Protein backbone atom coordinates (compact mmCIF):
# COMPACT_ATOMS: atom_id res chain seq x y z
CA MET A 1 123.41 110.59 90.95
CA VAL A 2 125.93 113.42 90.78
CA VAL A 3 124.64 114.83 94.06
CA GLY A 4 125.08 111.47 95.75
CA LEU A 5 128.64 111.21 94.45
CA LEU A 6 129.46 114.68 95.72
CA LEU A 7 127.94 113.92 99.12
CA ALA A 8 129.99 110.74 99.32
CA LEU A 9 133.17 112.73 98.62
CA VAL A 10 132.60 115.18 101.49
CA PRO A 11 133.69 112.77 104.29
CA LEU A 12 136.68 111.66 102.22
CA LEU A 13 137.78 115.24 101.66
CA ALA A 14 137.22 116.01 105.34
CA LYS A 15 139.38 113.01 106.25
CA GLY A 16 142.22 114.35 104.11
CA ILE A 17 141.95 117.96 105.29
CA LEU A 18 140.87 117.55 108.91
CA PRO A 19 141.44 113.92 109.95
CA ALA A 20 140.34 114.53 113.53
CA PHE A 21 136.92 115.84 112.49
CA ALA A 22 136.12 113.46 109.61
CA THR A 23 133.82 111.32 111.76
CA TRP A 24 131.93 114.40 112.94
CA VAL A 25 131.58 115.67 109.37
CA ALA A 26 130.17 112.32 108.21
CA ALA A 27 127.78 112.13 111.18
CA GLY A 28 126.65 115.71 110.57
CA LEU A 29 126.08 114.95 106.91
CA ILE A 30 123.94 111.91 107.75
CA ALA A 31 121.96 113.77 110.43
CA GLY A 32 121.47 116.82 108.22
CA LEU A 33 120.16 114.79 105.30
CA ALA A 34 117.85 112.83 107.61
CA ILE A 35 116.41 116.07 108.98
CA LEU A 36 115.96 117.44 105.45
CA GLY A 37 114.15 114.26 104.45
CA LEU A 38 111.80 114.49 107.43
CA LEU A 39 111.06 118.14 106.70
CA TYR A 40 110.38 117.38 103.04
CA GLY A 41 108.06 114.51 103.96
CA SER A 42 106.12 116.63 106.43
CA LEU A 43 105.86 119.43 103.87
CA LEU A 44 104.34 117.02 101.34
CA ARG A 45 101.86 115.79 103.93
CA ALA A 46 100.91 119.36 104.84
CA ARG A 47 100.22 120.14 101.18
CA GLY A 48 97.81 117.23 100.93
CA ALA A 49 99.93 114.89 98.85
CA HIS A 50 98.57 111.93 100.81
CA ARG A 51 95.01 112.43 99.54
CA PRO A 52 93.80 109.87 97.02
CA PRO A 53 92.96 111.21 93.55
CA ARG A 54 89.34 111.83 92.54
CA ARG A 55 89.30 109.48 89.59
CA PRO A 56 88.16 105.91 89.12
CA PRO A 57 90.59 103.20 90.18
CA ALA A 58 93.17 102.17 87.63
CA GLY A 59 92.06 99.42 85.32
CA LEU A 60 88.35 100.20 85.52
CA LYS A 61 88.12 100.86 81.78
CA GLU A 62 89.71 97.50 81.06
CA ARG A 63 87.38 95.73 83.49
CA MET A 64 84.32 97.33 81.93
CA THR A 65 85.52 96.47 78.41
CA CYS A 66 86.06 92.85 79.42
CA ALA A 67 82.67 92.81 81.13
CA VAL A 68 80.94 93.97 77.95
CA GLU A 69 82.73 91.28 75.96
CA HIS A 70 81.90 88.58 78.52
CA LEU A 71 78.26 89.57 78.67
CA ALA A 72 78.00 88.66 75.01
CA SER A 73 79.07 85.05 75.68
CA ARG A 74 76.28 82.46 75.99
CA ASP A 75 77.73 80.29 78.75
CA PRO A 76 80.28 82.24 80.81
CA ALA A 77 82.73 80.27 82.97
CA ASP A 78 82.81 80.64 86.76
CA ILE A 79 85.84 82.92 86.63
CA VAL A 80 84.06 85.17 84.14
CA GLN A 81 81.00 85.37 86.39
CA ALA A 82 83.25 86.25 89.34
CA GLN A 83 84.94 88.98 87.32
CA LEU A 84 81.56 90.38 86.26
CA ALA A 85 80.38 90.44 89.87
CA GLU A 86 83.55 92.19 91.03
CA THR A 87 83.33 94.77 88.26
CA ALA A 88 79.69 95.46 89.13
CA SER A 89 80.55 95.94 92.82
CA ARG A 90 83.39 98.32 91.96
CA ILE A 91 81.16 100.36 89.69
CA ARG A 92 78.61 100.73 92.49
CA THR A 93 81.26 102.22 94.83
CA ILE A 94 82.29 105.01 92.46
CA ALA A 95 80.83 108.36 93.40
CA PRO A 96 80.45 110.89 90.59
CA ALA A 97 82.65 113.96 90.94
CA THR A 98 80.80 117.20 91.56
CA PRO A 99 82.11 120.22 89.68
CA SER A 100 83.33 123.03 91.89
CA HIS A 101 82.12 125.69 89.49
CA PHE A 102 80.32 125.97 86.20
CA GLY A 103 82.15 127.68 83.47
């Protein structure tokens, strides 16, 4: 927040000190920050930040807990049967992680 405030003050200070170049200072500030943002984004992509994590999807524990509870019911409703089927299909798609080394 402080950085944003300081960056917003730069064109105002430039307007007071060098009124003829204030527009160029503001444009340079915008272009420079855009270039920095693009470089940062490409650096993250190069480091592999776009790869999905190797863990089960969020909420799988909750789904399995609900499934266990629903399996105990004698006459499950249609929505419960649909949830059980979806949980079973999600469990089938999970591949176990292989350890990279034993230690």
